[in-house]
Amino acid sequence: MVKADPKASCCTPGNRTPGGCHIESLVSVDERGQMVLPKDLRDKAGIKAGDKLALVSLKKDGEICCLALIKVDQLADQVKEFLGPVMRDAVTG
């Protein structure tokens, strides 16, 4: 069993806990396309007014089947984690 990196984002491949996906809440979309994240969920996720979230989609058979919200600062860390080795190889190779 591979040990998870405690500094890695919870969304980093290989760092997910078993059963890590949960339905946290059901939200409705209003006529203007807006939705509200419940306060208890914002509190648990540490989301505050002014925070930026990236909306990430997964496609299956050409249609979006899943949407996820990721804090932008965590997304930036994931991109750096992913591209860091690639960039080092490109510069030194």
N, C-alpha and C. Protein backbone atom coordinates (compact mmCIF):
# COMPACT_ATOMS: atom_id res chain seq x y z
N MET A 1 0.83 -1.18 0.00
CA MET A 1 0.00 0.00 0.00
C MET A 1 0.88 1.25 0.00
N VAL A 2 0.59 2.19 -0.89
CA VAL A 2 1.37 3.42 -1.01
C VAL A 2 0.88 4.41 0.02
N LYS A 3 1.83 5.03 0.72
CA LYS A 3 1.48 6.02 1.73
C LYS A 3 1.20 7.35 1.08
N ALA A 4 0.15 8.02 1.51
CA ALA A 4 -0.20 9.33 0.96
C ALA A 4 0.75 10.38 1.50
N ASP A 5 1.06 11.36 0.66
CA ASP A 5 1.89 12.49 1.05
C ASP A 5 1.02 13.46 1.84
N PRO A 6 1.32 13.69 3.13
CA PRO A 6 0.45 14.57 3.93
C PRO A 6 0.43 16.01 3.45
N LYS A 7 1.46 16.44 2.67
CA LYS A 7 1.49 17.81 2.15
C LYS A 7 0.74 17.95 0.83
N ALA A 8 0.46 16.83 0.18
CA ALA A 8 -0.20 16.88 -1.13
C ALA A 8 -1.67 17.23 -0.96
N SER A 9 -2.22 17.84 -1.99
CA SER A 9 -3.64 18.16 -2.01
C SER A 9 -4.46 16.88 -1.95
N CYS A 10 -5.65 16.97 -1.40
CA CYS A 10 -6.51 15.78 -1.32
C CYS A 10 -6.92 15.32 -2.71
N CYS A 11 -6.79 16.15 -3.72
CA CYS A 11 -7.18 15.80 -5.09
C CYS A 11 -6.02 15.23 -5.88
N THR A 12 -4.82 15.18 -5.30
CA THR A 12 -3.66 14.67 -6.00
C THR A 12 -3.82 13.17 -6.23
N PRO A 13 -3.59 12.70 -7.47
CA PRO A 13 -3.68 11.26 -7.71
C PRO A 13 -2.81 10.49 -6.73
N GLY A 14 -3.33 9.40 -6.21
CA GLY A 14 -2.60 8.58 -5.26
C GLY A 14 -2.72 9.08 -3.83
N ASN A 15 -3.34 10.22 -3.61
CA ASN A 15 -3.47 10.76 -2.26
C ASN A 15 -4.93 10.75 -1.80
N ARG A 16 -5.77 10.08 -2.54
CA ARG A 16 -7.18 10.03 -2.16
C ARG A 16 -7.37 8.96 -1.10
N THR A 17 -8.22 9.26 -0.16
CA THR A 17 -8.53 8.27 0.86
C THR A 17 -9.61 7.34 0.34
N PRO A 18 -9.62 6.07 0.80
CA PRO A 18 -10.66 5.16 0.35
C PRO A 18 -12.04 5.74 0.66
N GLY A 19 -12.92 5.65 -0.31
CA GLY A 19 -14.26 6.19 -0.10
C GLY A 19 -14.26 7.70 0.00
N GLY A 20 -13.29 8.37 -0.62
CA GLY A 20 -13.13 9.80 -0.48
C GLY A 20 -14.20 10.65 -1.14
N CYS A 21 -14.96 10.10 -2.07
CA CYS A 21 -16.01 10.86 -2.74
C CYS A 21 -17.31 10.72 -1.96
N HIS A 22 -17.91 11.84 -1.62
CA HIS A 22 -19.16 11.84 -0.87
C HIS A 22 -20.12 12.87 -1.46
N ILE A 23 -21.40 12.58 -1.38
CA ILE A 23 -22.39 13.61 -1.71
C ILE A 23 -22.52 14.45 -0.44
N GLU A 24 -22.08 15.68 -0.52
CA GLU A 24 -22.09 16.57 0.64
C GLU A 24 -23.41 17.31 0.78
N SER A 25 -24.02 17.62 -0.35
CA SER A 25 -25.23 18.42 -0.31
C SER A 25 -25.91 18.36 -1.67
N LEU A 26 -27.18 18.64 -1.70
CA LEU A 26 -27.90 18.84 -2.96
C LEU A 26 -28.20 20.32 -3.07
N VAL A 27 -27.91 20.90 -4.22
CA VAL A 27 -28.17 22.32 -4.42
C VAL A 27 -29.06 22.47 -5.64
N SER A 28 -29.80 23.55 -5.67
CA SER A 28 -30.68 23.86 -6.79
C SER A 28 -30.10 25.01 -7.59
N VAL A 29 -30.36 25.01 -8.88
CA VAL A 29 -29.95 26.10 -9.76
C VAL A 29 -31.18 26.97 -10.00
N ASP A 30 -31.04 28.28 -9.74
CA ASP A 30 -32.20 29.16 -9.94
C ASP A 30 -32.33 29.57 -11.40
N GLU A 31 -33.33 30.38 -11.68
CA GLU A 31 -33.62 30.77 -13.06
C GLU A 31 -32.49 31.57 -13.71
N ARG A 32 -31.60 32.16 -12.89
CA ARG A 32 -30.46 32.90 -13.42
C ARG A 32 -29.21 32.03 -13.53
N GLY A 33 -29.34 30.74 -13.20
CA GLY A 33 -28.20 29.83 -13.29
C GLY A 33 -27.31 29.85 -12.06
N GLN A 34 -27.78 30.48 -10.99
CA GLN A 34 -26.97 30.59 -9.78
C GLN A 34 -27.35 29.49 -8.80
N MET A 35 -26.37 29.13 -7.96
CA MET A 35 -26.63 28.18 -6.89
C MET A 35 -25.89 28.63 -5.64
N VAL A 36 -26.32 28.14 -4.51
CA VAL A 36 -25.72 28.52 -3.23
C VAL A 36 -25.08 27.29 -2.61
N LEU A 37 -23.81 27.43 -2.20
CA LEU A 37 -23.16 26.37 -1.43
C LEU A 37 -23.57 26.55 0.03
N PRO A 38 -24.15 25.52 0.64
CA PRO A 38 -24.60 25.66 2.03
C PRO A 38 -23.46 26.08 2.97
N LYS A 39 -23.81 26.87 3.98
CA LYS A 39 -22.82 27.40 4.91
C LYS A 39 -22.00 26.31 5.58
N ASP A 40 -22.65 25.22 6.02
CA ASP A 40 -21.88 24.18 6.71
C ASP A 40 -20.84 23.55 5.78
N LEU A 41 -21.15 23.45 4.50
CA LEU A 41 -20.20 22.91 3.52
C LEU A 41 -19.06 23.91 3.28
N ARG A 42 -19.40 25.20 3.15
CA ARG A 42 -18.36 26.22 2.99
C ARG A 42 -17.43 26.21 4.19
N ASP A 43 -18.00 26.08 5.39
CA ASP A 43 -17.18 26.04 6.60
C ASP A 43 -16.25 24.82 6.60
N LYS A 44 -16.79 23.65 6.28
CA LYS A 44 -15.97 22.43 6.27
C LYS A 44 -14.86 22.52 5.23
N ALA A 45 -15.14 23.16 4.09
CA ALA A 45 -14.15 23.27 3.01
C ALA A 45 -13.25 24.49 3.16
N GLY A 46 -13.52 25.33 4.14
CA GLY A 46 -12.70 26.53 4.34
C GLY A 46 -12.88 27.55 3.22
N ILE A 47 -14.07 27.60 2.64
CA ILE A 47 -14.36 28.54 1.56
C ILE A 47 -14.91 29.83 2.17
N LYS A 48 -14.25 30.95 1.83
CA LYS A 48 -14.66 32.25 2.36
C LYS A 48 -15.02 33.18 1.21
N ALA A 49 -15.74 34.24 1.54
CA ALA A 49 -16.09 35.24 0.53
C ALA A 49 -14.83 35.73 -0.16
N GLY A 50 -14.86 35.82 -1.46
CA GLY A 50 -13.72 36.28 -2.24
C GLY A 50 -12.81 35.16 -2.73
N ASP A 51 -12.96 33.93 -2.18
CA ASP A 51 -12.16 32.81 -2.65
C ASP A 51 -12.51 32.50 -4.10
N LYS A 52 -11.52 32.06 -4.85
CA LYS A 52 -11.72 31.67 -6.25
C LYS A 52 -11.77 30.15 -6.32
N LEU A 53 -12.74 29.64 -7.06
CA LEU A 53 -12.89 28.21 -7.26
C LEU A 53 -12.84 27.91 -8.75
N ALA A 54 -12.15 26.84 -9.12
CA ALA A 54 -12.12 26.39 -10.52
C ALA A 54 -13.21 25.33 -10.68
N LEU A 55 -13.99 25.45 -11.72
CA LEU A 55 -15.01 24.46 -12.03
C LEU A 55 -14.41 23.52 -13.07
N VAL A 56 -14.23 22.27 -12.68
CA VAL A 56 -13.59 21.26 -13.52
C VAL A 56 -14.64 20.27 -13.97
N SER A 57 -14.62 19.91 -15.26
CA SER A 57 -15.61 18.96 -15.78
C SER A 57 -14.94 17.68 -16.24
N LEU A 58 -15.68 16.60 -16.16
CA LEU A 58 -15.29 15.31 -16.71
C LEU A 58 -16.27 14.97 -17.80
N LYS A 59 -15.76 14.46 -18.90
CA LYS A 59 -16.64 14.10 -20.01
C LYS A 59 -16.64 12.59 -20.19
N LYS A 60 -17.78 12.08 -20.56
CA LYS A 60 -17.93 10.67 -20.91
C LYS A 60 -18.78 10.63 -22.16
N ASP A 61 -18.28 9.96 -23.19
CA ASP A 61 -18.99 9.87 -24.46
C ASP A 61 -19.34 11.26 -25.01
N GLY A 62 -18.44 12.23 -24.81
CA GLY A 62 -18.62 13.56 -25.36
C GLY A 62 -19.53 14.48 -24.58
N GLU A 63 -20.11 13.99 -23.48
CA GLU A 63 -21.00 14.82 -22.66
C GLU A 63 -20.42 14.99 -21.27
N ILE A 64 -20.62 16.17 -20.70
CA ILE A 64 -20.17 16.42 -19.33
C ILE A 64 -21.03 15.58 -18.39
N CYS A 65 -20.35 14.76 -17.58
CA CYS A 65 -21.08 13.90 -16.65
C CYS A 65 -20.79 14.26 -15.19
N CYS A 66 -19.75 15.05 -14.96
CA CYS A 66 -19.36 15.34 -13.58
C CYS A 66 -18.74 16.73 -13.51
N LEU A 67 -19.08 17.48 -12.49
CA LEU A 67 -18.49 18.79 -12.23
C LEU A 67 -17.88 18.78 -10.84
N ALA A 68 -16.73 19.40 -10.69
CA ALA A 68 -16.08 19.49 -9.39
C ALA A 68 -15.57 20.90 -9.19
N LEU A 69 -15.59 21.36 -7.95
CA LEU A 69 -15.03 22.66 -7.59
C LEU A 69 -13.71 22.43 -6.86
N ILE A 70 -12.67 23.15 -7.28
CA ILE A 70 -11.36 23.04 -6.63
C ILE A 70 -10.89 24.45 -6.32
N LYS A 71 -10.41 24.66 -5.11
CA LYS A 71 -9.85 25.97 -4.77
C LYS A 71 -8.70 26.26 -5.72
N VAL A 72 -8.66 27.49 -6.25
CA VAL A 72 -7.66 27.85 -7.25
C VAL A 72 -6.25 27.67 -6.71
N ASP A 73 -6.01 28.02 -5.44
CA ASP A 73 -4.65 27.86 -4.92
C ASP A 73 -4.24 26.40 -4.89
N GLN A 74 -5.17 25.48 -4.62
CA GLN A 74 -4.84 24.06 -4.65
C GLN A 74 -4.64 23.58 -6.08
N LEU A 75 -5.41 24.12 -7.00
CA LEU A 75 -5.27 23.76 -8.40
C LEU A 75 -3.90 24.19 -8.92
N ALA A 76 -3.47 25.38 -8.54
CA ALA A 76 -2.16 25.88 -8.96
C ALA A 76 -1.06 24.96 -8.43
N ASP A 77 -1.18 24.52 -7.18
CA ASP A 77 -0.19 23.60 -6.61
C ASP A 77 -0.16 22.28 -7.38
N GLN A 78 -1.34 21.79 -7.78
CA GLN A 78 -1.40 20.54 -8.54
C GLN A 78 -0.75 20.69 -9.90
N VAL A 79 -0.98 21.83 -10.56
CA VAL A 79 -0.37 22.07 -11.86
C VAL A 79 1.16 22.13 -11.71
N LYS A 80 1.64 22.82 -10.67
CA LYS A 80 3.09 22.90 -10.44
C LYS A 80 3.66 21.51 -10.17
N GLU A 81 2.95 20.70 -9.37
CA GLU A 81 3.38 19.34 -9.06
C GLU A 81 3.50 18.51 -10.34
N PHE A 82 2.52 18.67 -11.21
CA PHE A 82 2.47 17.90 -12.45
C PHE A 82 3.52 18.38 -13.44
N LEU A 83 3.62 19.71 -13.63
CA LEU A 83 4.51 20.26 -14.65
C LEU A 83 5.94 20.41 -14.19
N GLY A 84 6.18 20.46 -12.89
CA GLY A 84 7.55 20.64 -12.38
C GLY A 84 8.54 19.65 -12.98
N PRO A 85 8.29 18.34 -12.87
CA PRO A 85 9.23 17.37 -13.44
C PRO A 85 9.34 17.50 -14.96
N VAL A 86 8.25 17.80 -15.63
CA VAL A 86 8.28 17.96 -17.09
C VAL A 86 9.15 19.13 -17.47
N MET A 87 8.99 20.24 -16.76
CA MET A 87 9.79 21.44 -17.06
C MET A 87 11.25 21.21 -16.74
N ARG A 88 11.56 20.52 -15.64
CA ARG A 88 12.97 20.23 -15.29
C ARG A 88 13.60 19.39 -16.39
N ASP A 89 12.86 18.38 -16.89
CA ASP A 89 13.38 17.52 -17.96
C ASP A 89 13.61 18.33 -19.23
N ALA A 90 12.72 19.26 -19.53
CA ALA A 90 12.83 20.06 -20.74
C ALA A 90 14.05 20.99 -20.66
N VAL A 91 14.31 21.54 -19.48
CA VAL A 91 15.42 22.48 -19.31
C VAL A 91 16.75 21.72 -19.29
N THR A 92 16.81 20.59 -18.60
CA THR A 92 18.07 19.86 -18.46
C THR A 92 18.30 18.87 -19.60
N GLY A 93 17.23 18.53 -20.33
CA GLY A 93 17.35 17.52 -21.38
C GLY A 93 17.85 18.09 -22.61
